[in-house]
């Protein structure tokens, strides 16, 4: 009888370990990064002009590194964005470069952050 009780206890422990491993409490690195990035963007104004000062405030509130980027030499659309600024999100993506872990913001002549994408170089 003692052998069956021990066997049952081992099965229960294995079941608990599998349940813990499959639980939602343990998020993958990608999920943690996605949640942190979403939270950052949601802290910015949803409408109107998002300024560099608002981006700096949101990054500072999270204790994320941030700073200007003087040499953003990528082909992007739309053209004409200036005053590039980066924010390094935390946690970083595992096995990624510094650039891959940064969010980049370009600004129009009025100082508003503009949605941009990489584009073909002409």
PDB file of N, CA and C in Angstrom:
ATOM      1  N   UNK A   1       0.820  -1.200   0.000  1.00  0.00           N
ATOM      2  CA  UNK A   1       0.000   0.000   0.000  1.00  0.00           C
ATOM      3  C   UNK A   1       0.865   1.266   0.000  1.00  0.00           C
ATOM      4  N   UNK A   2       1.994   1.202   0.761  1.00  0.00           N
ATOM      5  CA  UNK A   2       2.869   2.356   0.832  1.00  0.00           C
ATOM      6  C   UNK A   2       3.460   2.666  -0.539  1.00  0.00           C
ATOM      7  N   UNK A   3       3.728   1.604  -1.345  1.00  0.00           N
ATOM      8  CA  UNK A   3       4.284   1.786  -2.667  1.00  0.00           C
ATOM      9  C   UNK A   3       3.316   2.572  -3.541  1.00  0.00           C
ATOM     10  N   UNK A   4       2.017   2.297  -3.452  1.00  0.00           N
ATOM     11  CA  UNK A   4       1.012   3.003  -4.260  1.00  0.00           C
ATOM     12  C   UNK A   4       0.866   4.451  -3.804  1.00  0.00           C
ATOM     13  N   UNK A   5       1.005   4.703  -2.534  1.00  0.00           N
ATOM     14  CA  UNK A   5       0.919   6.069  -2.030  1.00  0.00           C
ATOM     15  C   UNK A   5       2.102   6.889  -2.531  1.00  0.00           C
ATOM     16  N   UNK A   6       3.275   6.288  -2.526  1.00  0.00           N
ATOM     17  CA  UNK A   6       4.458   6.974  -3.037  1.00  0.00           C
ATOM     18  C   UNK A   6       4.316   7.237  -4.530  1.00  0.00           C
ATOM     19  N   UNK A   7       3.849   6.229  -5.269  1.00  0.00           N
ATOM     20  CA  UNK A   7       3.644   6.375  -6.708  1.00  0.00           C
ATOM     21  C   UNK A   7       2.627   7.483  -6.990  1.00  0.00           C
ATOM     22  N   UNK A   8       1.554   7.521  -6.232  1.00  0.00           N
ATOM     23  CA  UNK A   8       0.538   8.565  -6.394  1.00  0.00           C
ATOM     24  C   UNK A   8       1.106   9.953  -6.095  1.00  0.00           C
ATOM     25  N   UNK A   9       1.943  10.044  -5.066  1.00  0.00           N
ATOM     26  CA  UNK A   9       2.555  11.330  -4.718  1.00  0.00           C
ATOM     27  C   UNK A   9       3.491  11.796  -5.832  1.00  0.00           C
ATOM     28  N   UNK A  10       4.228  10.869  -6.434  1.00  0.00           N
ATOM     29  CA  UNK A  10       5.122  11.215  -7.533  1.00  0.00           C
ATOM     30  C   UNK A  10       4.309  11.685  -8.735  1.00  0.00           C
ATOM     31  N   UNK A  11       3.234  10.981  -9.064  1.00  0.00           N
ATOM     32  CA  UNK A  11       2.375  11.399 -10.175  1.00  0.00           C
ATOM     33  C   UNK A  11       1.763  12.774  -9.926  1.00  0.00           C
ATOM     34  N   UNK A  12       1.337  13.034  -8.707  1.00  0.00           N
ATOM     35  CA  UNK A  12       0.764  14.342  -8.370  1.00  0.00           C
ATOM     36  C   UNK A  12       1.822  15.436  -8.521  1.00  0.00           C
ATOM     37  N   UNK A  13       3.050  15.145  -8.100  1.00  0.00           N
ATOM     38  CA  UNK A  13       4.130  16.134  -8.223  1.00  0.00           C
ATOM     39  C   UNK A  13       4.435  16.406  -9.697  1.00  0.00           C
ATOM     40  N   UNK A  14       4.471  15.360 -10.504  1.00  0.00           N
ATOM     41  CA  UNK A  14       4.713  15.537 -11.940  1.00  0.00           C
ATOM     42  C   UNK A  14       3.586  16.343 -12.567  1.00  0.00           C
ATOM     43  N   UNK A  15       2.363  16.045 -12.200  1.00  0.00           N
ATOM     44  CA  UNK A  15       1.215  16.798 -12.710  1.00  0.00           C
ATOM     45  C   UNK A  15       1.281  18.264 -12.320  1.00  0.00           C
ATOM     46  N   UNK A  16       1.685  18.536 -11.104  1.00  0.00           N
ATOM     47  CA  UNK A  16       1.808  19.926 -10.651  1.00  0.00           C
ATOM     48  C   UNK A  16       2.900  20.650 -11.424  1.00  0.00           C
ATOM     49  N   UNK A  17       4.015  19.969 -11.688  1.00  0.00           N
ATOM     50  CA  UNK A  17       5.105  20.586 -12.444  1.00  0.00           C
ATOM     51  C   UNK A  17       4.674  20.880 -13.882  1.00  0.00           C
ATOM     52  N   UNK A  18       3.953  19.965 -14.498  1.00  0.00           N
ATOM     53  CA  UNK A  18       3.467  20.198 -15.862  1.00  0.00           C
ATOM     54  C   UNK A  18       2.474  21.346 -15.875  1.00  0.00           C
ATOM     55  N   UNK A  19       1.583  21.376 -14.918  1.00  0.00           N
ATOM     56  CA  UNK A  19       0.625  22.475 -14.824  1.00  0.00           C
ATOM     57  C   UNK A  19       1.307  23.809 -14.639  1.00  0.00           C
ATOM     58  N   UNK A  20       2.333  23.847 -13.802  1.00  0.00           N
ATOM     59  CA  UNK A  20       3.081  25.091 -13.589  1.00  0.00           C
ATOM     60  C   UNK A  20       3.782  25.519 -14.873  1.00  0.00           C
ATOM     61  N   UNK A  21       4.382  24.560 -15.583  1.00  0.00           N
ATOM     62  CA  UNK A  21       5.113  24.884 -16.807  1.00  0.00           C
ATOM     63  C   UNK A  21       4.184  25.411 -17.889  1.00  0.00           C
ATOM     64  N   UNK A  22       2.947  24.974 -17.905  1.00  0.00           N
ATOM     65  CA  UNK A  22       1.996  25.395 -18.930  1.00  0.00           C
ATOM     66  C   UNK A  22       1.140  26.584 -18.509  1.00  0.00           C
ATOM     67  N   UNK A  23       1.336  27.063 -17.311  1.00  0.00           N
ATOM     68  CA  UNK A  23       0.485  28.145 -16.818  1.00  0.00           C
ATOM     69  C   UNK A  23       0.828  29.463 -17.493  1.00  0.00           C
ATOM     70  N   UNK A  24      -0.110  30.399 -17.446  1.00  0.00           N
ATOM     71  CA  UNK A  24       0.073  31.724 -18.026  1.00  0.00           C
ATOM     72  C   UNK A  24       0.944  32.624 -17.160  1.00  0.00           C
ATOM     73  N   UNK A  25       1.307  32.172 -15.982  1.00  0.00           N
ATOM     74  CA  UNK A  25       2.126  32.991 -15.099  1.00  0.00           C
ATOM     75  C   UNK A  25       3.550  33.143 -15.615  1.00  0.00           C
ATOM     76  N   UNK A  26       3.967  32.205 -16.425  1.00  0.00           N
ATOM     77  CA  UNK A  26       5.320  32.260 -16.986  1.00  0.00           C
ATOM     78  C   UNK A  26       5.215  32.713 -18.427  1.00  0.00           C
ATOM     79  N   UNK A  27       5.566  33.947 -18.694  1.00  0.00           N
ATOM     80  CA  UNK A  27       5.508  34.492 -20.041  1.00  0.00           C
ATOM     81  C   UNK A  27       6.856  34.335 -20.724  1.00  0.00           C
ATOM     82  N   UNK A  28       6.810  34.092 -22.012  1.00  0.00           N
ATOM     83  CA  UNK A  28       8.054  34.018 -22.766  1.00  0.00           C
ATOM     84  C   UNK A  28       8.667  35.412 -22.859  1.00  0.00           C
ATOM     85  N   UNK A  29       9.918  35.461 -23.238  1.00  0.00           N
ATOM     86  CA  UNK A  29      10.597  36.748 -23.404  1.00  0.00           C
ATOM     87  C   UNK A  29       9.870  37.605 -24.423  1.00  0.00           C
ATOM     88  N   UNK A  30       9.446  37.007 -25.535  1.00  0.00           N
ATOM     89  CA  UNK A  30       8.745  37.760 -26.562  1.00  0.00           C
ATOM     90  C   UNK A  30       7.441  38.351 -26.030  1.00  0.00           C
ATOM     91  N   UNK A  31       6.743  37.589 -25.205  1.00  0.00           N
ATOM     92  CA  UNK A  31       5.495  38.088 -24.618  1.00  0.00           C
ATOM     93  C   UNK A  31       5.764  39.223 -23.634  1.00  0.00           C
ATOM     94  N   UNK A  32       6.829  39.096 -22.845  1.00  0.00           N
ATOM     95  CA  UNK A  32       7.181  40.162 -21.908  1.00  0.00           C
ATOM     96  C   UNK A  32       7.537  41.443 -22.658  1.00  0.00           C
ATOM     97  N   UNK A  33       8.310  41.314 -23.735  1.00  0.00           N
ATOM     98  CA  UNK A  33       8.696  42.479 -24.524  1.00  0.00           C
ATOM     99  C   UNK A  33       7.471  43.108 -25.176  1.00  0.00           C
ATOM    100  N   UNK A  34       6.592  42.267 -25.724  1.00  0.00           N
ATOM    101  CA  UNK A  34       5.379  42.784 -26.364  1.00  0.00           C
ATOM    102  C   UNK A  34       4.504  43.526 -25.368  1.00  0.00           C
ATOM    103  N   UNK A  35       4.352  42.982 -24.168  1.00  0.00           N
ATOM    104  CA  UNK A  35       3.532  43.642 -23.150  1.00  0.00           C
ATOM    105  C   UNK A  35       4.152  44.970 -22.725  1.00  0.00           C
ATOM    106  N   UNK A  36       5.474  44.982 -22.532  1.00  0.00           N
ATOM    107  CA  UNK A  36       6.150  46.224 -22.119  1.00  0.00           C
ATOM    108  C   UNK A  36       6.052  47.276 -23.214  1.00  0.00           C
ATOM    109  N   UNK A  37       6.212  46.852 -24.477  1.00  0.00           N
ATOM    110  CA  UNK A  37       6.129  47.789 -25.594  1.00  0.00           C
ATOM    111  C   UNK A  37       4.716  48.347 -25.731  1.00  0.00           C
ATOM    112  N   UNK A  38       3.725  47.489 -25.620  1.00  0.00           N
ATOM    113  CA  UNK A  38       2.332  47.931 -25.693  1.00  0.00           C
ATOM    114  C   UNK A  38       2.012  48.902 -24.567  1.00  0.00           C
ATOM    115  N   UNK A  39       2.465  48.587 -23.365  1.00  0.00           N
ATOM    116  CA  UNK A  39       2.241  49.470 -22.220  1.00  0.00           C
ATOM    117  C   UNK A  39       2.887  50.835 -22.456  1.00  0.00           C
ATOM    118  N   UNK A  40       4.086  50.850 -23.034  1.00  0.00           N
ATOM    119  CA  UNK A  40       4.768  52.108 -23.331  1.00  0.00           C
ATOM    120  C   UNK A  40       3.944  52.938 -24.312  1.00  0.00           C
ATOM    121  N   UNK A  41       3.539  52.333 -25.422  1.00  0.00           N
ATOM    122  CA  UNK A  41       2.770  53.076 -26.426  1.00  0.00           C
ATOM    123  C   UNK A  41       1.422  53.540 -25.871  1.00  0.00           C
ATOM    124  N   UNK A  42       0.793  52.733 -25.022  1.00  0.00           N
ATOM    125  CA  UNK A  42      -0.494  53.128 -24.446  1.00  0.00           C
ATOM    126  C   UNK A  42      -0.348  54.284 -23.463  1.00  0.00           C
ATOM    127  N   UNK A  43       0.847  54.506 -22.946  1.00  0.00           N
ATOM    128  CA  UNK A  43       1.047  55.625 -22.022  1.00  0.00           C
ATOM    129  C   UNK A  43       1.211  56.953 -22.764  1.00  0.00           C
ATOM    130  N   UNK A  44       1.412  56.888 -24.075  1.00  0.00           N
ATOM    131  CA  UNK A  44       1.528  58.108 -24.873  1.00  0.00           C
ATOM    132  C   UNK A  44       0.137  58.592 -25.259  1.00  0.00           C
ATOM    133  N   UNK A  45      -0.022  59.874 -25.564  1.00  0.00           N
ATOM    134  CA  UNK A  45      -1.340  60.369 -25.971  1.00  0.00           C
ATOM    135  C   UNK A  45      -1.876  59.589 -27.177  1.00  0.00           C
ATOM    136  N   UNK A  46      -3.134  59.205 -27.121  1.00  0.00           N
ATOM    137  CA  UNK A  46      -3.735  58.403 -28.182  1.00  0.00           C
ATOM    138  C   UNK A  46      -4.038  59.222 -29.429  1.00  0.00           C
ATOM    139  N   UNK A  47      -4.275  60.501 -29.251  1.00  0.00           N
ATOM    140  CA  UNK A  47      -4.618  61.352 -30.386  1.00  0.00           C
ATOM    141  C   UNK A  47      -3.809  62.633 -30.325  1.00  0.00           C
ATOM    142  N   UNK A  48      -3.694  63.255 -31.473  1.00  0.00           N
ATOM    143  CA  UNK A  48      -2.975  64.519 -31.535  1.00  0.00           C
ATOM    144  C   UNK A  48      -1.490  64.310 -31.678  1.00  0.00           C
ATOM    145  N   UNK A  49      -0.761  65.340 -31.418  1.00  0.00           N
ATOM    146  CA  UNK A  49       0.691  65.375 -31.588  1.00  0.00           C
ATOM    147  C   UNK A  49       1.390  64.743 -30.386  1.00  0.00           C
ATOM    148  N   UNK A  50       2.176  63.705 -30.639  1.00  0.00           N
ATOM    149  CA  UNK A  50       3.009  63.122 -29.593  1.00  0.00           C
ATOM    150  C   UNK A  50       4.391  63.753 -29.733  1.00  0.00           C
ATOM    151  N   UNK A  51       4.804  64.470 -28.703  1.00  0.00           N
ATOM    152  CA  UNK A  51       6.059  65.208 -28.769  1.00  0.00           C
ATOM    153  C   UNK A  51       7.214  64.403 -28.183  1.00  0.00           C
ATOM    154  N   UNK A  52       8.391  64.875 -28.466  1.00  0.00           N
ATOM    155  CA  UNK A  52       9.594  64.259 -27.917  1.00  0.00           C
ATOM    156  C   UNK A  52       9.557  64.292 -26.385  1.00  0.00           C
ATOM    157  N   UNK A  53       9.075  65.376 -25.810  1.00  0.00           N
ATOM    158  CA  UNK A  53       9.006  65.493 -24.347  1.00  0.00           C
ATOM    159  C   UNK A  53       8.104  64.414 -23.746  1.00  0.00           C
ATOM    160  N   UNK A  54       7.010  64.092 -24.419  1.00  0.00           N
ATOM    161  CA  UNK A  54       6.105  63.046 -23.915  1.00  0.00           C
ATOM    162  C   UNK A  54       6.751  61.663 -24.018  1.00  0.00           C
ATOM    163  N   UNK A  55       7.519  61.447 -25.064  1.00  0.00           N
ATOM    164  CA  UNK A  55       8.232  60.176 -25.219  1.00  0.00           C
ATOM    165  C   UNK A  55       9.314  60.053 -24.153  1.00  0.00           C
ATOM    166  N   UNK A  56      10.037  61.131 -23.916  1.00  0.00           N
ATOM    167  CA  UNK A  56      11.073  61.149 -22.874  1.00  0.00           C
ATOM    168  C   UNK A  56      10.452  60.883 -21.504  1.00  0.00           C
ATOM    169  N   UNK A  57       9.319  61.514 -21.220  1.00  0.00           N
ATOM    170  CA  UNK A  57       8.653  61.321 -19.924  1.00  0.00           C
ATOM    171  C   UNK A  57       8.219  59.872 -19.739  1.00  0.00           C
ATOM    172  N   UNK A  58       7.669  59.257 -20.788  1.00  0.00           N
ATOM    173  CA  UNK A  58       7.222  57.863 -20.700  1.00  0.00           C
ATOM    174  C   UNK A  58       8.414  56.925 -20.492  1.00  0.00           C
ATOM    175  N   UNK A  59       9.516  57.180 -21.183  1.00  0.00           N
ATOM    176  CA  UNK A  59      10.712  56.349 -21.020  1.00  0.00           C
ATOM    177  C   UNK A  59      11.330  56.537 -19.631  1.00  0.00           C
ATOM    178  N   UNK A  60      11.382  57.771 -19.183  1.00  0.00           N
ATOM    179  CA  UNK A  60      11.950  58.073 -17.872  1.00  0.00           C
ATOM    180  C   UNK A  60      11.125  57.436 -16.756  1.00  0.00           C
ATOM    181  N   UNK A  61       9.803  57.441 -16.904  1.00  0.00           N
ATOM    182  CA  UNK A  61       8.929  56.839 -15.890  1.00  0.00           C
ATOM    183  C   UNK A  61       9.197  55.344 -15.727  1.00  0.00           C
ATOM    184  N   UNK A  62       9.679  54.700 -16.789  1.00  0.00           N
ATOM    185  CA  UNK A  62       9.977  53.268 -16.747  1.00  0.00           C
ATOM    186  C   UNK A  62      11.455  52.995 -16.468  1.00  0.00           C
ATOM    187  N   UNK A  63      12.225  54.052 -16.350  1.00  0.00           N
ATOM    188  CA  UNK A  63      13.669  53.939 -16.159  1.00  0.00           C
ATOM    189  C   UNK A  63      14.323  53.236 -17.353  1.00  0.00           C
ATOM    190  N   UNK A  64      13.793  53.517 -18.554  1.00  0.00           N
ATOM    191  CA  UNK A  64      14.356  52.981 -19.789  1.00  0.00           C
ATOM    192  C   UNK A  64      15.365  53.983 -20.333  1.00  0.00           C
ATOM    193  N   UNK A  65      16.469  53.489 -20.846  1.00  0.00           N
ATOM    194  CA  UNK A  65      17.460  54.361 -21.474  1.00  0.00           C
ATOM    195  C   UNK A  65      16.846  54.992 -22.728  1.00  0.00           C
ATOM    196  N   UNK A  66      17.289  56.219 -23.036  1.00  0.00           N
ATOM    197  CA  UNK A  66      16.766  56.920 -24.213  1.00  0.00           C
ATOM    198  C   UNK A  66      17.739  58.015 -24.601  1.00  0.00           C
ATOM    199  N   UNK A  67      17.647  58.448 -25.856  1.00  0.00           N
ATOM    200  CA  UNK A  67      18.529  59.520 -26.300  1.00  0.00           C
ATOM    201  C   UNK A  67      18.333  59.848 -27.766  1.00  0.00           C
ATOM    202  N   UNK A  68      18.985  60.900 -28.243  1.00  0.00           N
ATOM    203  CA  UNK A  68      18.868  61.291 -29.645  1.00  0.00           C
ATOM    204  C   UNK A  68      19.650  60.345 -30.545  1.00  0.00           C
ATOM    205  N   UNK A  69      19.221  60.232 -31.760  1.00  0.00           N
ATOM    206  CA  UNK A  69      19.925  59.437 -32.773  1.00  0.00           C
ATOM    207  C   UNK A  69      20.235  60.367 -33.931  1.00  0.00           C
ATOM    208  N   UNK A  70      21.478  60.725 -34.078  1.00  0.00           N
ATOM    209  CA  UNK A  70      21.870  61.706 -35.090  1.00  0.00           C
ATOM    210  C   UNK A  70      22.004  61.117 -36.487  1.00  0.00           C
ATOM    211  N   UNK A  71      22.321  59.851 -36.585  1.00  0.00           N
ATOM    212  CA  UNK A  71      22.649  59.264 -37.880  1.00  0.00           C
ATOM    213  C   UNK A  71      21.687  58.136 -38.268  1.00  0.00           C
ATOM    214  N   UNK A  72      20.425  58.454 -38.424  1.00  0.00           N
ATOM    215  CA  UNK A  72      19.435  57.443 -38.808  1.00  0.00           C
ATOM    216  C   UNK A  72      19.441  57.349 -40.332  1.00  0.00           C
ATOM    217  N   UNK A  73      20.367  56.542 -40.848  1.00  0.00           N
ATOM    218  CA  UNK A  73      20.603  56.476 -42.290  1.00  0.00           C
ATOM    219  C   UNK A  73      19.907  55.286 -42.926  1.00  0.00           C
ATOM    220  N   UNK A  74      18.644  55.119 -42.662  1.00  0.00           N
ATOM    221  CA  UNK A  74      17.868  54.049 -43.265  1.00  0.00           C
ATOM    222  C   UNK A  74      16.896  54.664 -44.260  1.00  0.00           C
ATOM    223  N   UNK A  75      16.502  53.879 -45.229  1.00  0.00           N
ATOM    224  CA  UNK A  75      15.484  54.337 -46.180  1.00  0.00           C
ATOM    225  C   UNK A  75      14.133  54.141 -45.513  1.00  0.00           C
ATOM    226  N   UNK A  76      13.386  55.225 -45.389  1.00  0.00           N
ATOM    227  CA  UNK A  76      12.108  55.181 -44.686  1.00  0.00           C
ATOM    228  C   UNK A  76      11.050  55.937 -45.473  1.00  0.00           C
ATOM    229  N   UNK A  77       9.822  55.704 -45.102  1.00  0.00           N
ATOM    230  CA  UNK A  77       8.690  56.482 -45.623  1.00  0.00           C
ATOM    231  C   UNK A  77       7.858  56.879 -44.416  1.00  0.00           C
ATOM    232  N   UNK A  78       7.396  58.096 -44.335  1.00  0.00           N
ATOM    233  CA  UNK A  78       7.573  59.189 -45.281  1.00  0.00           C
ATOM    234  C   UNK A  78       8.950  59.827 -45.157  1.00  0.00           C
ATOM    235  N   UNK A  79       9.338  60.538 -46.208  1.00  0.00           N
ATOM    236  CA  UNK A  79      10.606  61.269 -46.203  1.00  0.00           C
ATOM    237  C   UNK A  79      10.484  62.514 -45.327  1.00  0.00           C
ATOM    238  N   UNK A  80      11.617  63.069 -44.961  1.00  0.00           N
ATOM    239  CA  UNK A  80      11.627  64.369 -44.310  1.00  0.00           C
ATOM    240  C   UNK A  80      11.524  64.357 -42.803  1.00  0.00           C
ATOM    241  N   UNK A  81      11.552  63.195 -42.183  1.00  0.00           N
ATOM    242  CA  UNK A  81      11.505  63.166 -40.719  1.00  0.00           C
ATOM    243  C   UNK A  81      12.878  63.546 -40.167  1.00  0.00           C
ATOM    244  N   UNK A  82      12.873  64.245 -39.064  1.00  0.00           N
ATOM    245  CA  UNK A  82      14.119  64.715 -38.469  1.00  0.00           C
ATOM    246  C   UNK A  82      14.086  64.482 -36.968  1.00  0.00           C
ATOM    247  N   UNK A  83      15.145  64.904 -36.315  1.00  0.00           N
ATOM    248  CA  UNK A  83      15.194  64.888 -34.851  1.00  0.00           C
ATOM    249  C   UNK A  83      14.879  63.508 -34.295  1.00  0.00           C
ATOM    250  N   UNK A  84      15.560  62.485 -34.822  1.00  0.00           N
ATOM    251  CA  UNK A  84      15.299  61.105 -34.407  1.00  0.00           C
ATOM    252  C   UNK A  84      15.639  60.898 -32.940  1.00  0.00           C
ATOM    253  N   UNK A  85      14.860  60.050 -32.287  1.00  0.00           N
ATOM    254  CA  UNK A  85      15.040  59.764 -30.872  1.00  0.00           C
ATOM    255  C   UNK A  85      14.818  58.274 -30.652  1.00  0.00           C
ATOM    256  N   UNK A  86      15.587  57.681 -29.750  1.00  0.00           N
ATOM    257  CA  UNK A  86      15.428  56.256 -29.463  1.00  0.00           C
ATOM    258  C   UNK A  86      15.055  56.035 -28.002  1.00  0.00           C
ATOM    259  N   UNK A  87      14.359  54.917 -27.779  1.00  0.00           N
ATOM    260  CA  UNK A  87      14.005  54.448 -26.438  1.00  0.00           C
ATOM    261  C   UNK A  87      14.350  52.970 -26.401  1.00  0.00           C
ATOM    262  N   UNK A  88      15.105  52.557 -25.400  1.00  0.00           N
ATOM    263  CA  UNK A  88      15.483  51.149 -25.283  1.00  0.00           C
ATOM    264  C   UNK A  88      14.506  50.431 -24.364  1.00  0.00           C
ATOM    265  N   UNK A  89      13.687  49.593 -24.972  1.00  0.00           N
ATOM    266  CA  UNK A  89      12.650  48.916 -24.187  1.00  0.00           C
ATOM    267  C   UNK A  89      13.255  47.830 -23.306  1.00  0.00           C
ATOM    268  N   UNK A  90      12.574  47.581 -22.214  1.00  0.00           N
ATOM    269  CA  UNK A  90      12.972  46.562 -21.245  1.00  0.00           C
ATOM    270  C   UNK A  90      11.773  45.689 -20.917  1.00  0.00           C
ATOM    271  N   UNK A  91      11.925  44.401 -20.844  1.00  0.00           N
ATOM    272  CA  UNK A  91      13.172  43.672 -21.012  1.00  0.00           C
ATOM    273  C   UNK A  91      13.570  43.625 -22.481  1.00  0.00           C
ATOM    274  N   UNK A  92      14.857  43.439 -22.760  1.00  0.00           N
ATOM    275  CA  UNK A  92      15.284  43.355 -24.154  1.00  0.00           C
ATOM    276  C   UNK A  92      14.923  42.004 -24.754  1.00  0.00           C
ATOM    277  N   UNK A  93      14.793  41.973 -26.063  1.00  0.00           N
ATOM    278  CA  UNK A  93      14.632  40.704 -26.757  1.00  0.00           C
ATOM    279  C   UNK A  93      15.930  39.920 -26.623  1.00  0.00           C
ATOM    280  N   UNK A  94      15.822  38.666 -26.285  1.00  0.00           N
ATOM    281  CA  UNK A  94      17.016  37.840 -26.148  1.00  0.00           C
ATOM    282  C   UNK A  94      17.688  37.668 -27.505  1.00  0.00           C
ATOM    283  N   UNK A  95      18.996  37.610 -27.504  1.00  0.00           N
ATOM    284  CA  UNK A  95      19.787  37.367 -28.719  1.00  0.00           C
ATOM    285  C   UNK A  95      19.541  38.427 -29.784  1.00  0.00           C
ATOM    286  N   UNK A  96      19.312  39.661 -29.381  1.00  0.00           N
ATOM    287  CA  UNK A  96      19.038  40.742 -30.326  1.00  0.00           C
ATOM    288  C   UNK A  96      20.084  41.832 -30.193  1.00  0.00           C
ATOM    289  N   UNK A  97      20.204  42.618 -31.246  1.00  0.00           N
ATOM    290  CA  UNK A  97      21.154  43.729 -31.236  1.00  0.00           C
ATOM    291  C   UNK A  97      20.559  44.917 -30.492  1.00  0.00           C
ATOM    292  N   UNK A  98      21.417  45.890 -30.231  1.00  0.00           N
ATOM    293  CA  UNK A  98      20.962  47.109 -29.570  1.00  0.00           C
ATOM    294  C   UNK A  98      19.864  47.785 -30.394  1.00  0.00           C
ATOM    295  N   UNK A  99      20.074  47.878 -31.711  1.00  0.00           N
ATOM    296  CA  UNK A  99      19.068  48.509 -32.574  1.00  0.00           C
ATOM    297  C   UNK A  99      17.735  47.772 -32.546  1.00  0.00           C
ATOM    298  N   UNK A 100      17.786  46.443 -32.460  1.00  0.00           N
ATOM    299  CA  UNK A 100      16.544  45.660 -32.433  1.00  0.00           C
ATOM    300  C   UNK A 100      15.778  45.842 -31.132  1.00  0.00           C
ATOM    301  N   UNK A 101      16.463  46.261 -30.097  1.00  0.00           N
ATOM    302  CA  UNK A 101      15.809  46.473 -28.804  1.00  0.00           C
ATOM    303  C   UNK A 101      15.405  47.922 -28.575  1.00  0.00           C
ATOM    304  N   UNK A 102      15.574  48.739 -29.592  1.00  0.00           N
ATOM    305  CA  UNK A 102      15.217  50.152 -29.462  1.00  0.00           C
ATOM    306  C   UNK A 102      13.993  50.486 -30.300  1.00  0.00           C
ATOM    307  N   UNK A 103      13.212  51.400 -29.775  1.00  0.00           N
ATOM    308  CA  UNK A 103      12.098  51.973 -30.515  1.00  0.00           C
ATOM    309  C   UNK A 103      12.592  53.309 -31.056  1.00  0.00           C
ATOM    310  N   UNK A 104      12.360  53.569 -32.327  1.00  0.00           N
ATOM    311  CA  UNK A 104      12.838  54.812 -32.935  1.00  0.00           C
ATOM    312  C   UNK A 104      11.666  55.710 -33.285  1.00  0.00           C
ATOM    313  N   UNK A 105      11.837  56.985 -32.993  1.00  0.00           N
ATOM    314  CA  UNK A 105      10.805  57.976 -33.265  1.00  0.00           C
ATOM    315  C   UNK A 105      11.395  59.080 -34.132  1.00  0.00           C
ATOM    316  N   UNK A 106      10.718  59.371 -35.242  1.00  0.00           N
ATOM    317  CA  UNK A 106      11.092  60.484 -36.103  1.00  0.00           C
ATOM    318  C   UNK A 106      10.024  61.561 -35.997  1.00  0.00           C
ATOM    319  N   UNK A 107      10.422  62.796 -36.181  1.00  0.00           N
ATOM    320  CA  UNK A 107       9.501  63.909 -35.969  1.00  0.00           C
ATOM    321  C   UNK A 107       9.377  64.760 -37.226  1.00  0.00           C
ATOM    322  N   UNK A 108       8.170  65.273 -37.428  1.00  0.00           N
ATOM    323  CA  UNK A 108       7.918  66.176 -38.554  1.00  0.00           C
ATOM    324  C   UNK A 108       8.380  67.590 -38.179  1.00  0.00           C
ATOM    325  N   UNK A 109       8.298  68.555 -39.102  1.00  0.00           N
ATOM    326  CA  UNK A 109       8.756  69.917 -38.803  1.00  0.00           C
ATOM    327  C   UNK A 109       8.026  70.578 -37.633  1.00  0.00           C
ATOM    328  N   UNK A 110       6.823  70.114 -37.288  1.00  0.00           N
ATOM    329  CA  UNK A 110       6.081  70.675 -36.159  1.00  0.00           C
ATOM    330  C   UNK A 110       6.471  70.027 -34.828  1.00  0.00           C
ATOM    331  N   UNK A 111       7.363  69.025 -34.872  1.00  0.00           N
ATOM    332  CA  UNK A 111       7.798  68.365 -33.648  1.00  0.00           C
ATOM    333  C   UNK A 111       6.914  67.225 -33.203  1.00  0.00           C
ATOM    334  N   UNK A 112       6.078  66.716 -34.104  1.00  0.00           N
ATOM    335  CA  UNK A 112       5.184  65.602 -33.785  1.00  0.00           C
ATOM    336  C   UNK A 112       5.795  64.285 -34.266  1.00  0.00           C
ATOM    337  N   UNK A 113       5.724  63.266 -33.437  1.00  0.00           N
ATOM    338  CA  UNK A 113       6.183  61.939 -33.836  1.00  0.00           C
ATOM    339  C   UNK A 113       5.280  61.434 -34.955  1.00  0.00           C
ATOM    340  N   UNK A 114       5.899  60.830 -35.969  1.00  0.00           N
ATOM    341  CA  UNK A 114       5.169  60.364 -37.142  1.00  0.00           C
ATOM    342  C   UNK A 114       5.389  58.866 -37.304  1.00  0.00           C
ATOM    343  N   UNK A 115       4.316  58.120 -37.571  1.00  0.00           N
ATOM    344  CA  UNK A 115       4.457  56.701 -37.882  1.00  0.00           C
ATOM    345  C   UNK A 115       5.278  56.571 -39.154  1.00  0.00           C
ATOM    346  N   UNK A 116       6.238  55.682 -39.172  1.00  0.00           N
ATOM    347  CA  UNK A 116       7.097  55.508 -40.333  1.00  0.00           C
ATOM    348  C   UNK A 116       7.348  54.031 -40.553  1.00  0.00           C
ATOM    349  N   UNK A 117       7.806  53.684 -41.726  1.00  0.00           N
ATOM    350  CA  UNK A 117       8.175  52.308 -42.058  1.00  0.00           C
ATOM    351  C   UNK A 117       9.465  52.340 -42.865  1.00  0.00           C
ATOM    352  N   UNK A 118      10.130  51.216 -42.896  1.00  0.00           N
ATOM    353  CA  UNK A 118      11.287  51.091 -43.792  1.00  0.00           C
ATOM    354  C   UNK A 118      10.763  51.059 -45.216  1.00  0.00           C
ATOM    355  N   UNK A 119      11.539  51.629 -46.134  1.00  0.00           N
ATOM    356  CA  UNK A 119      11.112  51.711 -47.527  1.00  0.00           C
ATOM    357  C   UNK A 119      12.286  51.370 -48.435  1.00  0.00           C
ATOM    358  N   UNK A 120      11.961  51.159 -49.699  1.00  0.00           N
ATOM    359  CA  UNK A 120      13.007  50.898 -50.688  1.00  0.00           C
ATOM    360  C   UNK A 120      13.808  52.175 -50.932  1.00  0.00           C
ATOM    361  N   UNK A 121      15.110  52.025 -51.057  1.00  0.00           N
ATOM    362  CA  UNK A 121      15.956  53.184 -51.355  1.00  0.00           C
ATOM    363  C   UNK A 121      15.904  53.471 -52.843  1.00  0.00           C
ATOM    364  N   UNK A 122      15.710  54.706 -53.204  1.00  0.00           N
ATOM    365  CA  UNK A 122      15.654  55.081 -54.619  1.00  0.00           C
ATOM    366  C   UNK A 122      17.008  55.523 -55.118  1.00  0.00           C
TER     367      UNK A 122
END
